[in-house]
Amino acid sequence: MRNQASPYRHQAPCLTPEFIKEVEDELSRRLGQPVLMVLGNGIIAVRADGELFAGESVVVMDAGSLPPRERAVEWADAFERKISRLSRRAADVERLYGAIQESPSPEKTGAIVLEHAGDYDDDFFEALGTVIAHDKARLRLSRARNLEALRAYLRLVRRRARHGETAAMWRELARGAARENDLGHW
């Protein structure tokens, strides 16, 4: 019987420990701290001994989204880009949370959230999730609960914005502010 090559051979060569070590070494050099890659069920996680971004030390990627498994440098590039992107989005999470904490009223909080309604993409929610996990790990449970409530609210805002309801949300805020103002005059 003739030895037939698999049609998938060029797409999914075996991940050897040597290849993983190459990626770890390249990423460690770039980040300036030791990293460890863990593979499982089609996902790859990179964990750093120190903190990669905004207090979080684990970044997960779908193995299918990575370049062909031939050059460690390309994998390190992909992880470095994701780390950088999530770092920026985690900073956005912190800025939004800080602005909300300083907000003098629920209406102002709603306005702060709506001003950035178009910014709540998947990377933002992934970064928000890692910030929440980090806070829980550091036992900042009150802040973690606040961020979880914010995440639920932002999901609602994003869903409504995607359905073209941004103007309606602004009107609701204006009505709430007017009611609050009326109550203040009693």
C-alpha atoms as a PDB file:
ATOM      1  CA  MET A   1       0.000   0.000   0.000  1.00  0.00           C
ATOM      2  CA  ARG A   2       1.257   3.445  -0.944  1.00  0.00           C
ATOM      3  CA  ASN A   3       1.900   5.937   1.861  1.00  0.00           C
ATOM      4  CA  GLN A   4      -0.585   8.763   1.312  1.00  0.00           C
ATOM      5  CA  ALA A   5       0.039  12.185   2.791  1.00  0.00           C
ATOM      6  CA  SER A   6      -2.706  13.721   4.857  1.00  0.00           C
ATOM      7  CA  PRO A   7      -4.340  16.754   3.216  1.00  0.00           C
ATOM      8  CA  TYR A   8      -4.007  18.527   6.588  1.00  0.00           C
ATOM      9  CA  ARG A   9      -0.322  17.849   7.050  1.00  0.00           C
ATOM     10  CA  HIS A  10       0.802  21.298   5.914  1.00  0.00           C
ATOM     11  CA  GLN A  11      -1.816  23.031   8.093  1.00  0.00           C
ATOM     12  CA  ALA A  12      -1.295  21.368  11.449  1.00  0.00           C
ATOM     13  CA  PRO A  13       2.165  19.998  12.036  1.00  0.00           C
ATOM     14  CA  CYS A  14       2.672  18.601  15.508  1.00  0.00           C
ATOM     15  CA  LEU A  15       3.561  21.175  18.117  1.00  0.00           C
ATOM     16  CA  THR A  16       6.851  19.937  19.392  1.00  0.00           C
ATOM     17  CA  PRO A  17       8.223  20.900  22.779  1.00  0.00           C
ATOM     18  CA  GLU A  18      11.137  22.491  20.915  1.00  0.00           C
ATOM     19  CA  PHE A  19       8.797  24.770  18.950  1.00  0.00           C
ATOM     20  CA  ILE A  20       6.910  25.777  22.095  1.00  0.00           C
ATOM     21  CA  LYS A  21      10.238  26.491  23.814  1.00  0.00           C
ATOM     22  CA  GLU A  22      11.285  28.696  20.871  1.00  0.00           C
ATOM     23  CA  VAL A  23       8.056  30.715  21.133  1.00  0.00           C
ATOM     24  CA  GLU A  24       8.432  31.012  24.913  1.00  0.00           C
ATOM     25  CA  ASP A  25      12.034  32.187  24.554  1.00  0.00           C
ATOM     26  CA  GLU A  26      11.182  34.753  21.863  1.00  0.00           C
ATOM     27  CA  LEU A  27       8.212  36.131  23.791  1.00  0.00           C
ATOM     28  CA  SER A  28      10.211  36.185  27.037  1.00  0.00           C
ATOM     29  CA  ARG A  29      12.936  38.187  25.315  1.00  0.00           C
ATOM     30  CA  ARG A  30      10.426  40.683  23.913  1.00  0.00           C
ATOM     31  CA  LEU A  31       8.473  41.117  27.155  1.00  0.00           C
ATOM     32  CA  GLY A  32      11.489  41.132  29.418  1.00  0.00           C
ATOM     33  CA  GLN A  33      10.078  38.430  31.697  1.00  0.00           C
ATOM     34  CA  PRO A  34       9.834  34.639  31.641  1.00  0.00           C
ATOM     35  CA  VAL A  35       6.712  33.209  30.038  1.00  0.00           C
ATOM     36  CA  LEU A  36       5.204  29.740  29.932  1.00  0.00           C
ATOM     37  CA  MET A  37       2.925  28.466  27.158  1.00  0.00           C
ATOM     38  CA  VAL A  38       0.193  25.951  27.944  1.00  0.00           C
ATOM     39  CA  LEU A  39      -1.769  24.132  25.255  1.00  0.00           C
ATOM     40  CA  GLY A  40      -5.105  22.415  25.522  1.00  0.00           C
ATOM     41  CA  ASN A  41      -8.248  21.734  23.502  1.00  0.00           C
ATOM     42  CA  GLY A  42      -7.418  24.086  20.664  1.00  0.00           C
ATOM     43  CA  ILE A  43      -6.399  27.028  22.825  1.00  0.00           C
ATOM     44  CA  ILE A  44      -3.022  28.278  23.888  1.00  0.00           C
ATOM     45  CA  ALA A  45      -2.401  30.303  27.009  1.00  0.00           C
ATOM     46  CA  VAL A  46       0.685  32.343  27.733  1.00  0.00           C
ATOM     47  CA  ARG A  47       1.437  32.972  31.366  1.00  0.00           C
ATOM     48  CA  ALA A  48       4.116  35.338  32.601  1.00  0.00           C
ATOM     49  CA  ASP A  49       5.940  35.199  35.907  1.00  0.00           C
ATOM     50  CA  GLY A  50       5.379  38.933  36.247  1.00  0.00           C
ATOM     51  CA  GLU A  51       2.458  41.026  35.123  1.00  0.00           C
ATOM     52  CA  LEU A  52       1.915  41.391  31.391  1.00  0.00           C
ATOM     53  CA  PHE A  53      -0.799  44.017  31.405  1.00  0.00           C
ATOM     54  CA  ALA A  54      -3.028  45.820  33.848  1.00  0.00           C
ATOM     55  CA  GLY A  55      -2.337  43.312  36.548  1.00  0.00           C
ATOM     56  CA  GLU A  56      -3.211  40.255  34.482  1.00  0.00           C
ATOM     57  CA  SER A  57      -0.688  37.581  33.625  1.00  0.00           C
ATOM     58  CA  VAL A  58      -2.525  35.166  31.299  1.00  0.00           C
ATOM     59  CA  VAL A  59      -3.406  35.690  27.637  1.00  0.00           C
ATOM     60  CA  VAL A  60      -5.396  33.041  25.757  1.00  0.00           C
ATOM     61  CA  MET A  61      -5.660  32.577  21.998  1.00  0.00           C
ATOM     62  CA  ASP A  62      -7.443  30.126  19.748  1.00  0.00           C
ATOM     63  CA  ALA A  63      -4.754  27.973  18.126  1.00  0.00           C
ATOM     64  CA  GLY A  64      -6.638  28.168  14.826  1.00  0.00           C
ATOM     65  CA  SER A  65      -6.143  31.934  14.706  1.00  0.00           C
ATOM     66  CA  LEU A  66      -2.366  31.632  14.889  1.00  0.00           C
ATOM     67  CA  PRO A  67      -0.090  31.560  11.838  1.00  0.00           C
ATOM     68  CA  PRO A  68       1.136  28.211  10.512  1.00  0.00           C
ATOM     69  CA  ARG A  69       3.236  26.459  13.119  1.00  0.00           C
ATOM     70  CA  GLU A  70       6.517  26.869  11.321  1.00  0.00           C
ATOM     71  CA  ARG A  71       8.095  30.018  12.700  1.00  0.00           C
ATOM     72  CA  ALA A  72       8.215  30.776  16.402  1.00  0.00           C
ATOM     73  CA  VAL A  73       8.719  34.470  15.641  1.00  0.00           C
ATOM     74  CA  GLU A  74       5.293  34.698  13.960  1.00  0.00           C
ATOM     75  CA  TRP A  75       3.602  33.130  16.991  1.00  0.00           C
ATOM     76  CA  ALA A  76       5.451  35.502  19.295  1.00  0.00           C
ATOM     77  CA  ASP A  77       4.283  38.388  17.047  1.00  0.00           C
ATOM     78  CA  ALA A  78       0.653  37.248  17.352  1.00  0.00           C
ATOM     79  CA  PHE A  79       0.821  36.974  21.145  1.00  0.00           C
ATOM     80  CA  GLU A  80       2.665  40.281  21.463  1.00  0.00           C
ATOM     81  CA  ARG A  81      -0.005  42.031  19.356  1.00  0.00           C
ATOM     82  CA  LYS A  82      -2.789  40.549  21.481  1.00  0.00           C
ATOM     83  CA  ILE A  83      -1.022  41.477  24.714  1.00  0.00           C
ATOM     84  CA  SER A  84      -0.559  45.030  23.460  1.00  0.00           C
ATOM     85  CA  ARG A  85      -4.183  45.291  22.321  1.00  0.00           C
ATOM     86  CA  LEU A  86      -5.536  43.941  25.612  1.00  0.00           C
ATOM     87  CA  SER A  87      -3.192  46.193  27.548  1.00  0.00           C
ATOM     88  CA  ARG A  88      -4.662  49.244  25.806  1.00  0.00           C
ATOM     89  CA  ARG A  89      -8.205  47.999  26.374  1.00  0.00           C
ATOM     90  CA  ALA A  90      -7.501  47.252  30.065  1.00  0.00           C
ATOM     91  CA  ALA A  91      -6.313  50.852  30.397  1.00  0.00           C
ATOM     92  CA  ASP A  92      -9.617  51.923  28.772  1.00  0.00           C
ATOM     93  CA  VAL A  93     -11.499  49.821  31.340  1.00  0.00           C
ATOM     94  CA  GLU A  94      -9.626  51.534  34.175  1.00  0.00           C
ATOM     95  CA  ARG A  95     -10.286  55.009  32.731  1.00  0.00           C
ATOM     96  CA  LEU A  96     -13.995  54.278  32.313  1.00  0.00           C
ATOM     97  CA  TYR A  97     -14.254  52.844  35.819  1.00  0.00           C
ATOM     98  CA  GLY A  98     -12.418  55.862  37.269  1.00  0.00           C
ATOM     99  CA  ALA A  99     -14.713  58.298  35.442  1.00  0.00           C
ATOM    100  CA  ILE A 100     -17.773  56.424  36.678  1.00  0.00           C
ATOM    101  CA  GLN A 101     -16.471  56.429  40.242  1.00  0.00           C
ATOM    102  CA  GLU A 102     -16.129  60.231  40.068  1.00  0.00           C
ATOM    103  CA  SER A 103     -19.556  60.697  38.500  1.00  0.00           C
ATOM    104  CA  PRO A 104     -21.894  62.811  40.649  1.00  0.00           C
ATOM    105  CA  SER A 105     -25.146  61.136  39.525  1.00  0.00           C
ATOM    106  CA  PRO A 106     -26.619  58.103  37.773  1.00  0.00           C
ATOM    107  CA  GLU A 107     -27.521  60.298  34.787  1.00  0.00           C
ATOM    108  CA  LYS A 108     -23.927  61.516  34.450  1.00  0.00           C
ATOM    109  CA  THR A 109     -22.754  57.904  34.727  1.00  0.00           C
ATOM    110  CA  GLY A 110     -25.144  56.932  31.931  1.00  0.00           C
ATOM    111  CA  ALA A 111     -23.838  59.790  29.811  1.00  0.00           C
ATOM    112  CA  ILE A 112     -20.237  58.703  30.372  1.00  0.00           C
ATOM    113  CA  VAL A 113     -21.123  55.169  29.281  1.00  0.00           C
ATOM    114  CA  LEU A 114     -23.137  56.309  26.234  1.00  0.00           C
ATOM    115  CA  GLU A 115     -20.398  58.668  25.047  1.00  0.00           C
ATOM    116  CA  HIS A 116     -18.243  55.594  24.502  1.00  0.00           C
ATOM    117  CA  ALA A 117     -20.944  53.141  23.364  1.00  0.00           C
ATOM    118  CA  GLY A 118     -19.093  52.393  20.129  1.00  0.00           C
ATOM    119  CA  ASP A 119     -15.920  51.464  22.007  1.00  0.00           C
ATOM    120  CA  TYR A 120     -17.261  48.348  23.728  1.00  0.00           C
ATOM    121  CA  ASP A 121     -15.886  45.696  21.392  1.00  0.00           C
ATOM    122  CA  ASP A 122     -14.891  42.109  22.115  1.00  0.00           C
ATOM    123  CA  ASP A 123     -11.358  43.142  23.152  1.00  0.00           C
ATOM    124  CA  PHE A 124     -12.818  45.607  25.652  1.00  0.00           C
ATOM    125  CA  PHE A 125     -15.011  42.891  27.203  1.00  0.00           C
ATOM    126  CA  GLU A 126     -12.100  40.438  27.262  1.00  0.00           C
ATOM    127  CA  ALA A 127      -9.944  43.038  29.017  1.00  0.00           C
ATOM    128  CA  LEU A 128     -12.799  43.830  31.423  1.00  0.00           C
ATOM    129  CA  GLY A 129     -13.075  40.127  32.238  1.00  0.00           C
ATOM    130  CA  THR A 130      -9.365  39.897  33.011  1.00  0.00           C
ATOM    131  CA  VAL A 131      -9.511  42.999  35.195  1.00  0.00           C
ATOM    132  CA  ILE A 132     -12.412  41.436  37.122  1.00  0.00           C
ATOM    133  CA  ALA A 133     -10.508  38.137  37.498  1.00  0.00           C
ATOM    134  CA  HIS A 134      -7.439  40.010  38.694  1.00  0.00           C
ATOM    135  CA  ASP A 135      -9.462  41.945  41.268  1.00  0.00           C
ATOM    136  CA  LYS A 136     -11.007  38.722  42.552  1.00  0.00           C
ATOM    137  CA  ALA A 137      -7.579  37.110  42.810  1.00  0.00           C
ATOM    138  CA  ARG A 138      -6.347  40.135  44.779  1.00  0.00           C
ATOM    139  CA  LEU A 139      -9.484  39.920  46.970  1.00  0.00           C
ATOM    140  CA  ARG A 140     -10.763  43.319  45.871  1.00  0.00           C
ATOM    141  CA  LEU A 141     -14.211  41.809  45.888  1.00  0.00           C
ATOM    142  CA  SER A 142     -16.215  45.017  46.196  1.00  0.00           C
ATOM    143  CA  ARG A 143     -14.512  46.482  43.137  1.00  0.00           C
ATOM    144  CA  ALA A 144     -14.910  43.157  41.294  1.00  0.00           C
ATOM    145  CA  ARG A 145     -18.673  43.199  42.010  1.00  0.00           C
ATOM    146  CA  ASN A 146     -18.873  46.799  40.764  1.00  0.00           C
ATOM    147  CA  LEU A 147     -17.033  45.826  37.582  1.00  0.00           C
ATOM    148  CA  GLU A 148     -19.320  42.829  37.076  1.00  0.00           C
ATOM    149  CA  ALA A 149     -22.355  45.112  37.367  1.00  0.00           C
ATOM    150  CA  LEU A 150     -20.695  47.513  34.933  1.00  0.00           C
ATOM    151  CA  ARG A 151     -20.062  44.640  32.513  1.00  0.00           C
ATOM    152  CA  ALA A 152     -23.758  43.680  32.587  1.00  0.00           C
ATOM    153  CA  TYR A 153     -24.762  47.306  31.977  1.00  0.00           C
ATOM    154  CA  LEU A 154     -22.245  47.690  29.143  1.00  0.00           C
ATOM    155  CA  ARG A 155     -23.534  44.533  27.484  1.00  0.00           C
ATOM    156  CA  LEU A 156     -27.035  45.995  27.570  1.00  0.00           C
ATOM    157  CA  VAL A 157     -25.775  49.307  26.157  1.00  0.00           C
ATOM    158  CA  ARG A 158     -23.821  47.533  23.414  1.00  0.00           C
ATOM    159  CA  ARG A 159     -26.813  45.351  22.482  1.00  0.00           C
ATOM    160  CA  ARG A 160     -29.142  48.352  22.326  1.00  0.00           C
ATOM    161  CA  ALA A 161     -26.607  50.427  20.382  1.00  0.00           C
ATOM    162  CA  ARG A 162     -26.247  47.610  17.840  1.00  0.00           C
ATOM    163  CA  HIS A 163     -30.027  47.711  17.400  1.00  0.00           C
ATOM    164  CA  GLY A 164     -29.899  51.448  16.679  1.00  0.00           C
ATOM    165  CA  GLU A 165     -31.271  52.521  20.044  1.00  0.00           C
ATOM    166  CA  THR A 166     -28.546  54.997  21.043  1.00  0.00           C
ATOM    167  CA  ALA A 167     -30.805  58.039  20.556  1.00  0.00           C
ATOM    168  CA  ALA A 168     -33.498  56.374  22.669  1.00  0.00           C
ATOM    169  CA  MET A 169     -30.983  55.753  25.454  1.00  0.00           C
ATOM    170  CA  TRP A 170     -29.992  59.442  25.393  1.00  0.00           C
ATOM    171  CA  ARG A 171     -33.678  60.407  25.675  1.00  0.00           C
ATOM    172  CA  GLU A 172     -34.102  58.052  28.630  1.00  0.00           C
ATOM    173  CA  LEU A 173     -31.148  59.697  30.355  1.00  0.00           C
ATOM    174  CA  ALA A 174     -32.599  63.153  29.720  1.00  0.00           C
ATOM    175  CA  ARG A 175     -35.958  62.078  31.165  1.00  0.00           C
ATOM    176  CA  GLY A 176     -34.220  60.613  34.219  1.00  0.00           C
ATOM    177  CA  ALA A 177     -32.261  63.838  34.733  1.00  0.00           C
ATOM    178  CA  ALA A 178     -35.451  65.897  34.406  1.00  0.00           C
ATOM    179  CA  ARG A 179     -37.222  63.708  36.988  1.00  0.00           C
ATOM    180  CA  GLU A 180     -34.256  63.977  39.323  1.00  0.00           C
ATOM    181  CA  ASN A 181     -34.286  67.736  38.884  1.00  0.00           C
ATOM    182  CA  ASP A 182     -38.053  67.902  39.591  1.00  0.00           C
ATOM    183  CA  LEU A 183     -37.608  65.839  42.745  1.00  0.00           C
ATOM    184  CA  GLY A 184     -34.892  68.204  43.907  1.00  0.00           C
ATOM    185  CA  HIS A 185     -37.317  71.153  43.786  1.00  0.00           C
ATOM    186  CA  TRP A 186     -39.886  69.615  46.134  1.00  0.00           C
END
